[in-house]
Amino acid sequence: MEFETVAGIIAEHFGMDAEDITEDMDILEDLNATSMDAVELIVAIENVTDVSIPDEAVDEIRTVNDIVNYLRANMPEEE
């Protein structure tokens, strides 16, 4: 999963430019997201990527890079 794809989803969700998203941005603090915003973001990412992110993993995700790394590790293998 490419950072640019995740940045695009985040930018669309929060109404900002994808170019303003950085890998080390903290989702709650830097994006001023509420816990509900974070849940909605995870759902949006799941819908685009077809990767289910369980609650235990969501609890560990803090930064944009955490999302990218989780998706890279859990994307289904393409045949």
PDB file of N, CA and C in Angstrom:
ATOM      1  N   MET A   1       0.850  -1.176   0.000  1.00  0.00           N
ATOM      2  CA  MET A   1       0.000   0.000   0.000  1.00  0.00           C
ATOM      3  C   MET A   1       0.889   1.231   0.000  1.00  0.00           C
ATOM      4  N   GLU A   2       0.597   2.098  -0.902  1.00  0.00           N
ATOM      5  CA  GLU A   2       1.404   3.301  -1.058  1.00  0.00           C
ATOM      6  C   GLU A   2       0.955   4.411  -0.107  1.00  0.00           C
ATOM      7  N   PHE A   3       1.909   5.158   0.389  1.00  0.00           N
ATOM      8  CA  PHE A   3       1.621   6.291   1.259  1.00  0.00           C
ATOM      9  C   PHE A   3       0.674   7.274   0.574  1.00  0.00           C
ATOM     10  N   GLU A   4       0.883   7.518  -0.713  1.00  0.00           N
ATOM     11  CA  GLU A   4       0.075   8.492  -1.438  1.00  0.00           C
ATOM     12  C   GLU A   4      -1.402   8.121  -1.427  1.00  0.00           C
ATOM     13  N   THR A   5      -1.698   6.830  -1.508  1.00  0.00           N
ATOM     14  CA  THR A   5      -3.083   6.377  -1.477  1.00  0.00           C
ATOM     15  C   THR A   5      -3.708   6.679  -0.118  1.00  0.00           C
ATOM     16  N   VAL A   6      -2.992   6.341   0.939  1.00  0.00           N
ATOM     17  CA  VAL A   6      -3.487   6.592   2.294  1.00  0.00           C
ATOM     18  C   VAL A   6      -3.620   8.094   2.529  1.00  0.00           C
ATOM     19  N   ALA A   7      -2.641   8.871   2.093  1.00  0.00           N
ATOM     20  CA  ALA A   7      -2.699  10.325   2.260  1.00  0.00           C
ATOM     21  C   ALA A   7      -3.913  10.897   1.539  1.00  0.00           C
ATOM     22  N   GLY A   8      -4.233  10.351   0.377  1.00  0.00           N
ATOM     23  CA  GLY A   8      -5.399  10.808  -0.368  1.00  0.00           C
ATOM     24  C   GLY A   8      -6.697  10.532   0.375  1.00  0.00           C
ATOM     25  N   ILE A   9      -6.788   9.369   0.977  1.00  0.00           N
ATOM     26  CA  ILE A   9      -7.984   9.014   1.751  1.00  0.00           C
ATOM     27  C   ILE A   9      -8.110   9.936   2.958  1.00  0.00           C
ATOM     28  N   ILE A  10      -7.005  10.155   3.647  1.00  0.00           N
ATOM     29  CA  ILE A  10      -7.011  11.022   4.829  1.00  0.00           C
ATOM     30  C   ILE A  10      -7.369  12.446   4.431  1.00  0.00           C
ATOM     31  N   ALA A  11      -6.771  12.936   3.360  1.00  0.00           N
ATOM     32  CA  ALA A  11      -7.040  14.303   2.910  1.00  0.00           C
ATOM     33  C   ALA A  11      -8.515  14.477   2.566  1.00  0.00           C
ATOM     34  N   GLU A  12      -9.071  13.508   1.869  1.00  0.00           N
ATOM     35  CA  GLU A  12     -10.484  13.589   1.513  1.00  0.00           C
ATOM     36  C   GLU A  12     -11.356  13.562   2.769  1.00  0.00           C
ATOM     37  N   HIS A  13     -11.012  12.700   3.698  1.00  0.00           N
ATOM     38  CA  HIS A  13     -11.799  12.543   4.927  1.00  0.00           C
ATOM     39  C   HIS A  13     -11.779  13.816   5.785  1.00  0.00           C
ATOM     40  N   PHE A  14     -10.624  14.476   5.835  1.00  0.00           N
ATOM     41  CA  PHE A  14     -10.481  15.657   6.688  1.00  0.00           C
ATOM     42  C   PHE A  14     -10.555  16.978   5.923  1.00  0.00           C
ATOM     43  N   GLY A  15     -10.830  16.908   4.610  1.00  0.00           N
ATOM     44  CA  GLY A  15     -10.985  18.124   3.821  1.00  0.00           C
ATOM     45  C   GLY A  15      -9.711  18.943   3.717  1.00  0.00           C
ATOM     46  N   MET A  16      -8.613  18.272   3.417  1.00  0.00           N
ATOM     47  CA  MET A  16      -7.335  18.971   3.284  1.00  0.00           C
ATOM     48  C   MET A  16      -6.608  18.487   2.036  1.00  0.00           C
ATOM     49  N   ASP A  17      -5.476  19.089   1.733  1.00  0.00           N
ATOM     50  CA  ASP A  17      -4.683  18.675   0.581  1.00  0.00           C
ATOM     51  C   ASP A  17      -3.801  17.497   0.947  1.00  0.00           C
ATOM     52  N   ALA A  18      -3.731  16.516   0.049  1.00  0.00           N
ATOM     53  CA  ALA A  18      -2.908  15.325   0.293  1.00  0.00           C
ATOM     54  C   ALA A  18      -1.442  15.699   0.482  1.00  0.00           C
ATOM     55  N   GLU A  19      -1.009  16.777  -0.161  1.00  0.00           N
ATOM     56  CA  GLU A  19       0.386  17.202  -0.048  1.00  0.00           C
ATOM     57  C   GLU A  19       0.730  17.654   1.367  1.00  0.00           C
ATOM     58  N   ASP A  20      -0.291  17.986   2.162  1.00  0.00           N
ATOM     59  CA  ASP A  20      -0.060  18.441   3.529  1.00  0.00           C
ATOM     60  C   ASP A  20       0.054  17.289   4.526  1.00  0.00           C
ATOM     61  N   ILE A  21      -0.229  16.065   4.065  1.00  0.00           N
ATOM     62  CA  ILE A  21      -0.164  14.890   4.935  1.00  0.00           C
ATOM     63  C   ILE A  21       1.266  14.367   4.945  1.00  0.00           C
ATOM     64  N   THR A  22       1.790  14.107   6.144  1.00  0.00           N
ATOM     65  CA  THR A  22       3.123  13.520   6.256  1.00  0.00           C
ATOM     66  C   THR A  22       3.016  12.180   6.973  1.00  0.00           C
ATOM     67  N   GLU A  23       4.019  11.343   6.774  1.00  0.00           N
ATOM     68  CA  GLU A  23       4.006  10.003   7.353  1.00  0.00           C
ATOM     69  C   GLU A  23       3.996  10.013   8.869  1.00  0.00           C
ATOM     70  N   ASP A  24       4.617  11.013   9.474  1.00  0.00           N
ATOM     71  CA  ASP A  24       4.720  11.021  10.935  1.00  0.00           C
ATOM     72  C   ASP A  24       3.593  11.790  11.619  1.00  0.00           C
ATOM     73  N   MET A  25       2.583  12.215  10.861  1.00  0.00           N
ATOM     74  CA  MET A  25       1.454  12.923  11.462  1.00  0.00           C
ATOM     75  C   MET A  25       0.699  12.015  12.420  1.00  0.00           C
ATOM     76  N   ASP A  26       0.430  12.535  13.609  1.00  0.00           N
ATOM     77  CA  ASP A  26      -0.389  11.828  14.590  1.00  0.00           C
ATOM     78  C   ASP A  26      -1.850  12.085  14.218  1.00  0.00           C
ATOM     79  N   ILE A  27      -2.611  11.024  14.069  1.00  0.00           N
ATOM     80  CA  ILE A  27      -3.982  11.152  13.587  1.00  0.00           C
ATOM     81  C   ILE A  27      -4.837  11.980  14.541  1.00  0.00           C
ATOM     82  N   LEU A  28      -4.739  11.716  15.827  1.00  0.00           N
ATOM     83  CA  LEU A  28      -5.573  12.447  16.779  1.00  0.00           C
ATOM     84  C   LEU A  28      -5.055  13.857  17.039  1.00  0.00           C
ATOM     85  N   GLU A  29      -3.759  13.983  17.248  1.00  0.00           N
ATOM     86  CA  GLU A  29      -3.211  15.279  17.624  1.00  0.00           C
ATOM     87  C   GLU A  29      -2.990  16.213  16.440  1.00  0.00           C
ATOM     88  N   ASP A  30      -2.279  15.766  15.420  1.00  0.00           N
ATOM     89  CA  ASP A  30      -1.943  16.647  14.296  1.00  0.00           C
ATOM     90  C   ASP A  30      -3.128  16.936  13.385  1.00  0.00           C
ATOM     91  N   LEU A  31      -4.043  15.988  13.283  1.00  0.00           N
ATOM     92  CA  LEU A  31      -5.212  16.183  12.430  1.00  0.00           C
ATOM     93  C   LEU A  31      -6.425  16.655  13.233  1.00  0.00           C
ATOM     94  N   ASN A  32      -6.228  16.841  14.541  1.00  0.00           N
ATOM     95  CA  ASN A  32      -7.311  17.272  15.426  1.00  0.00           C
ATOM     96  C   ASN A  32      -8.540  16.387  15.296  1.00  0.00           C
ATOM     97  N   ALA A  33      -8.303  15.101  15.170  1.00  0.00           N
ATOM     98  CA  ALA A  33      -9.389  14.138  14.995  1.00  0.00           C
ATOM     99  C   ALA A  33      -9.936  13.701  16.345  1.00  0.00           C
ATOM    100  N   THR A  34     -11.227  13.519  16.387  1.00  0.00           N
ATOM    101  CA  THR A  34     -11.849  12.915  17.561  1.00  0.00           C
ATOM    102  C   THR A  34     -11.744  11.404  17.393  1.00  0.00           C
ATOM    103  N   SER A  35     -12.073  10.675  18.436  1.00  0.00           N
ATOM    104  CA  SER A  35     -12.044   9.218  18.310  1.00  0.00           C
ATOM    105  C   SER A  35     -13.065   8.760  17.270  1.00  0.00           C
ATOM    106  N   MET A  36     -14.184   9.461  17.129  1.00  0.00           N
ATOM    107  CA  MET A  36     -15.175   9.125  16.105  1.00  0.00           C
ATOM    108  C   MET A  36     -14.606   9.385  14.706  1.00  0.00           C
ATOM    109  N   ASP A  37     -13.861  10.492  14.542  1.00  0.00           N
ATOM    110  CA  ASP A  37     -13.209  10.772  13.259  1.00  0.00           C
ATOM    111  C   ASP A  37     -12.258   9.637  12.899  1.00  0.00           C
ATOM    112  N   ALA A  38     -11.508   9.162  13.887  1.00  0.00           N
ATOM    113  CA  ALA A  38     -10.541   8.091  13.652  1.00  0.00           C
ATOM    114  C   ALA A  38     -11.246   6.815  13.217  1.00  0.00           C
ATOM    115  N   VAL A  39     -12.371   6.496  13.867  1.00  0.00           N
ATOM    116  CA  VAL A  39     -13.137   5.304  13.496  1.00  0.00           C
ATOM    117  C   VAL A  39     -13.664   5.440  12.065  1.00  0.00           C
ATOM    118  N   GLU A  40     -14.203   6.606  11.736  1.00  0.00           N
ATOM    119  CA  GLU A  40     -14.711   6.834  10.384  1.00  0.00           C
ATOM    120  C   GLU A  40     -13.589   6.746   9.346  1.00  0.00           C
ATOM    121  N   LEU A  41     -12.415   7.236   9.698  1.00  0.00           N
ATOM    122  CA  LEU A  41     -11.272   7.144   8.801  1.00  0.00           C
ATOM    123  C   LEU A  41     -10.893   5.690   8.562  1.00  0.00           C
ATOM    124  N   ILE A  42     -10.842   4.898   9.612  1.00  0.00           N
ATOM    125  CA  ILE A  42     -10.502   3.478   9.470  1.00  0.00           C
ATOM    126  C   ILE A  42     -11.520   2.784   8.576  1.00  0.00           C
ATOM    127  N   VAL A  43     -12.796   3.082   8.754  1.00  0.00           N
ATOM    128  CA  VAL A  43     -13.842   2.490   7.904  1.00  0.00           C
ATOM    129  C   VAL A  43     -13.631   2.897   6.449  1.00  0.00           C
ATOM    130  N   ALA A  44     -13.310   4.157   6.208  1.00  0.00           N
ATOM    131  CA  ALA A  44     -13.057   4.626   4.837  1.00  0.00           C
ATOM    132  C   ALA A  44     -11.865   3.893   4.226  1.00  0.00           C
ATOM    133  N   ILE A  45     -10.814   3.703   5.011  1.00  0.00           N
ATOM    134  CA  ILE A  45      -9.627   2.992   4.520  1.00  0.00           C
ATOM    135  C   ILE A  45      -9.974   1.535   4.236  1.00  0.00           C
ATOM    136  N   GLU A  46     -10.741   0.915   5.129  1.00  0.00           N
ATOM    137  CA  GLU A  46     -11.157  -0.473   4.903  1.00  0.00           C
ATOM    138  C   GLU A  46     -11.969  -0.601   3.617  1.00  0.00           C
ATOM    139  N   ASN A  47     -12.847   0.362   3.356  1.00  0.00           N
ATOM    140  CA  ASN A  47     -13.678   0.318   2.156  1.00  0.00           C
ATOM    141  C   ASN A  47     -12.858   0.442   0.875  1.00  0.00           C
ATOM    142  N   VAL A  48     -11.834   1.263   0.911  1.00  0.00           N
ATOM    143  CA  VAL A  48     -11.002   1.462  -0.274  1.00  0.00           C
ATOM    144  C   VAL A  48     -10.044   0.298  -0.489  1.00  0.00           C
ATOM    145  N   THR A  49      -9.517  -0.255   0.595  1.00  0.00           N
ATOM    146  CA  THR A  49      -8.463  -1.266   0.476  1.00  0.00           C
ATOM    147  C   THR A  49      -8.953  -2.699   0.579  1.00  0.00           C
ATOM    148  N   ASP A  50     -10.170  -2.899   1.041  1.00  0.00           N
ATOM    149  CA  ASP A  50     -10.696  -4.246   1.292  1.00  0.00           C
ATOM    150  C   ASP A  50      -9.886  -4.998   2.351  1.00  0.00           C
ATOM    151  N   VAL A  51      -9.210  -4.258   3.219  1.00  0.00           N
ATOM    152  CA  VAL A  51      -8.478  -4.855   4.342  1.00  0.00           C
ATOM    153  C   VAL A  51      -9.244  -4.524   5.610  1.00  0.00           C
ATOM    154  N   SER A  52      -9.588  -5.550   6.376  1.00  0.00           N
ATOM    155  CA  SER A  52     -10.265  -5.339   7.648  1.00  0.00           C
ATOM    156  C   SER A  52      -9.214  -5.040   8.713  1.00  0.00           C
ATOM    157  N   ILE A  53      -9.453  -3.984   9.476  1.00  0.00           N
ATOM    158  CA  ILE A  53      -8.525  -3.600  10.535  1.00  0.00           C
ATOM    159  C   ILE A  53      -9.228  -3.841  11.866  1.00  0.00           C
ATOM    160  N   PRO A  54      -8.839  -4.891  12.598  1.00  0.00           N
ATOM    161  CA  PRO A  54      -9.513  -5.210  13.859  1.00  0.00           C
ATOM    162  C   PRO A  54      -9.259  -4.148  14.924  1.00  0.00           C
ATOM    163  N   ASP A  55     -10.156  -4.108  15.911  1.00  0.00           N
ATOM    164  CA  ASP A  55     -10.052  -3.107  16.978  1.00  0.00           C
ATOM    165  C   ASP A  55      -8.700  -3.122  17.668  1.00  0.00           C
ATOM    166  N   GLU A  56      -8.124  -4.318  17.849  1.00  0.00           N
ATOM    167  CA  GLU A  56      -6.818  -4.403  18.519  1.00  0.00           C
ATOM    168  C   GLU A  56      -5.752  -3.653  17.719  1.00  0.00           C
ATOM    169  N   ALA A  57      -5.825  -3.745  16.404  1.00  0.00           N
ATOM    170  CA  ALA A  57      -4.855  -3.048  15.554  1.00  0.00           C
ATOM    171  C   ALA A  57      -5.126  -1.548  15.557  1.00  0.00           C
ATOM    172  N   VAL A  58      -6.403  -1.169  15.551  1.00  0.00           N
ATOM    173  CA  VAL A  58      -6.759   0.253  15.577  1.00  0.00           C
ATOM    174  C   VAL A  58      -6.184   0.913  16.820  1.00  0.00           C
ATOM    175  N   ASP A  59      -6.214   0.202  17.936  1.00  0.00           N
ATOM    176  CA  ASP A  59      -5.680   0.746  19.186  1.00  0.00           C
ATOM    177  C   ASP A  59      -4.183   1.050  19.099  1.00  0.00           C
ATOM    178  N   GLU A  60      -3.474   0.361  18.209  1.00  0.00           N
ATOM    179  CA  GLU A  60      -2.029   0.548  18.047  1.00  0.00           C
ATOM    180  C   GLU A  60      -1.685   1.597  16.998  1.00  0.00           C
ATOM    181  N   ILE A  61      -2.639   2.005  16.205  1.00  0.00           N
ATOM    182  CA  ILE A  61      -2.389   2.957  15.118  1.00  0.00           C
ATOM    183  C   ILE A  61      -2.447   4.373  15.658  1.00  0.00           C
ATOM    184  N   ARG A  62      -1.350   5.078  15.507  1.00  0.00           N
ATOM    185  CA  ARG A  62      -1.272   6.464  15.971  1.00  0.00           C
ATOM    186  C   ARG A  62      -0.951   7.428  14.832  1.00  0.00           C
ATOM    187  N   THR A  63      -0.087   7.007  13.917  1.00  0.00           N
ATOM    188  CA  THR A  63       0.368   7.904  12.863  1.00  0.00           C
ATOM    189  C   THR A  63      -0.077   7.407  11.491  1.00  0.00           C
ATOM    190  N   VAL A  64       0.075   8.275  10.523  1.00  0.00           N
ATOM    191  CA  VAL A  64      -0.229   7.902   9.140  1.00  0.00           C
ATOM    192  C   VAL A  64       0.648   6.723   8.725  1.00  0.00           C
ATOM    193  N   ASN A  65       1.908   6.754   9.117  1.00  0.00           N
ATOM    194  CA  ASN A  65       2.823   5.661   8.781  1.00  0.00           C
ATOM    195  C   ASN A  65       2.376   4.341   9.413  1.00  0.00           C
ATOM    196  N   ASP A  66       1.777   4.388  10.601  1.00  0.00           N
ATOM    197  CA  ASP A  66       1.247   3.170  11.220  1.00  0.00           C
ATOM    198  C   ASP A  66       0.178   2.541  10.327  1.00  0.00           C
ATOM    199  N   ILE A  67      -0.670   3.387   9.733  1.00  0.00           N
ATOM    200  CA  ILE A  67      -1.706   2.875   8.826  1.00  0.00           C
ATOM    201  C   ILE A  67      -1.064   2.224   7.613  1.00  0.00           C
ATOM    202  N   VAL A  68      -0.115   2.921   7.007  1.00  0.00           N
ATOM    203  CA  VAL A  68       0.563   2.404   5.811  1.00  0.00           C
ATOM    204  C   VAL A  68       1.231   1.075   6.121  1.00  0.00           C
ATOM    205  N   ASN A  69       1.946   1.006   7.218  1.00  0.00           N
ATOM    206  CA  ASN A  69       2.647  -0.236   7.577  1.00  0.00           C
ATOM    207  C   ASN A  69       1.671  -1.378   7.837  1.00  0.00           C
ATOM    208  N   TYR A  70       0.562  -1.091   8.514  1.00  0.00           N
ATOM    209  CA  TYR A  70      -0.426  -2.137   8.766  1.00  0.00           C
ATOM    210  C   TYR A  70      -0.989  -2.659   7.450  1.00  0.00           C
ATOM    211  N   LEU A  71      -1.335  -1.753   6.554  1.00  0.00           N
ATOM    212  CA  LEU A  71      -1.902  -2.172   5.273  1.00  0.00           C
ATOM    213  C   LEU A  71      -0.902  -2.974   4.454  1.00  0.00           C
ATOM    214  N   ARG A  72       0.337  -2.523   4.437  1.00  0.00           N
ATOM    215  CA  ARG A  72       1.371  -3.269   3.688  1.00  0.00           C
ATOM    216  C   ARG A  72       1.518  -4.684   4.220  1.00  0.00           C
ATOM    217  N   ALA A  73       1.440  -4.835   5.532  1.00  0.00           N
ATOM    218  CA  ALA A  73       1.616  -6.157   6.145  1.00  0.00           C
ATOM    219  C   ALA A  73       0.403  -7.043   5.991  1.00  0.00           C
ATOM    220  N   ASN A  74      -0.762  -6.450   5.713  1.00  0.00           N
ATOM    221  CA  ASN A  74      -1.993  -7.242   5.704  1.00  0.00           C
ATOM    222  C   ASN A  74      -2.769  -7.220   4.394  1.00  0.00           C
ATOM    223  N   MET A  75      -2.172  -6.657   3.358  1.00  0.00           N
ATOM    224  CA  MET A  75      -2.837  -6.685   2.046  1.00  0.00           C
ATOM    225  C   MET A  75      -2.835  -8.114   1.524  1.00  0.00           C
ATOM    226  N   PRO A  76      -3.974  -8.528   0.965  1.00  0.00           N
ATOM    227  CA  PRO A  76      -3.994  -9.898   0.389  1.00  0.00           C
ATOM    228  C   PRO A  76      -3.029  -9.976  -0.793  1.00  0.00           C
ATOM    229  N   GLU A  77      -2.447 -11.148  -0.949  1.00  0.00           N
ATOM    230  CA  GLU A  77      -1.518 -11.377  -2.053  1.00  0.00           C
ATOM    231  C   GLU A  77      -2.285 -11.358  -3.374  1.00  0.00           C
ATOM    232  N   GLU A  78      -1.739 -10.649  -4.353  1.00  0.00           N
ATOM    233  CA  GLU A  78      -2.359 -10.626  -5.679  1.00  0.00           C
ATOM    234  C   GLU A  78      -1.869 -11.818  -6.473  1.00  0.00           C
ATOM    235  N   GLU A  79      -2.792 -12.418  -7.205  1.00  0.00           N
ATOM    236  CA  GLU A  79      -2.412 -13.600  -7.992  1.00  0.00           C
ATOM    237  C   GLU A  79      -2.126 -13.230  -9.415  1.00  0.00           C
TER     238      GLU A  79
END
